[in-house]
Amino acid sequence: MRQFKEIEAARRGIGVSQKVLAHRAGMREQDYSRLKKPSKQGPTVRTLMRLSKALDELIAEKEQADG
C-alpha cells in the first residue's frame, strides 16, 4: 500500500491536480489538502486505499491517452 507521500509524488508526477484526485477518490479538495499538513493522526488505511485506487485509475487513463 502506498503512503501519502508516495501518492502525492505520483500525483504531481502525472500532472494531476489535488482537486481531480480528491474528487476521484470521493473526497473534497479541502480534506485532501488537510492530509498534507503534519498531524499526529495521519490518513486512515481506508483513505490511503481510496486515494491509491483513484491514482491508479488516473495513471491508466493517462497511459491509454498517451498511446
Foldseek 3Di string as FASTA:
>chain_A
DDDLVVLVVLCVVLPHDLCQLQVQLVHHSVVNVVQVDDDPDHDDPSSVVSSVVSSVVVVVVSVVVVD
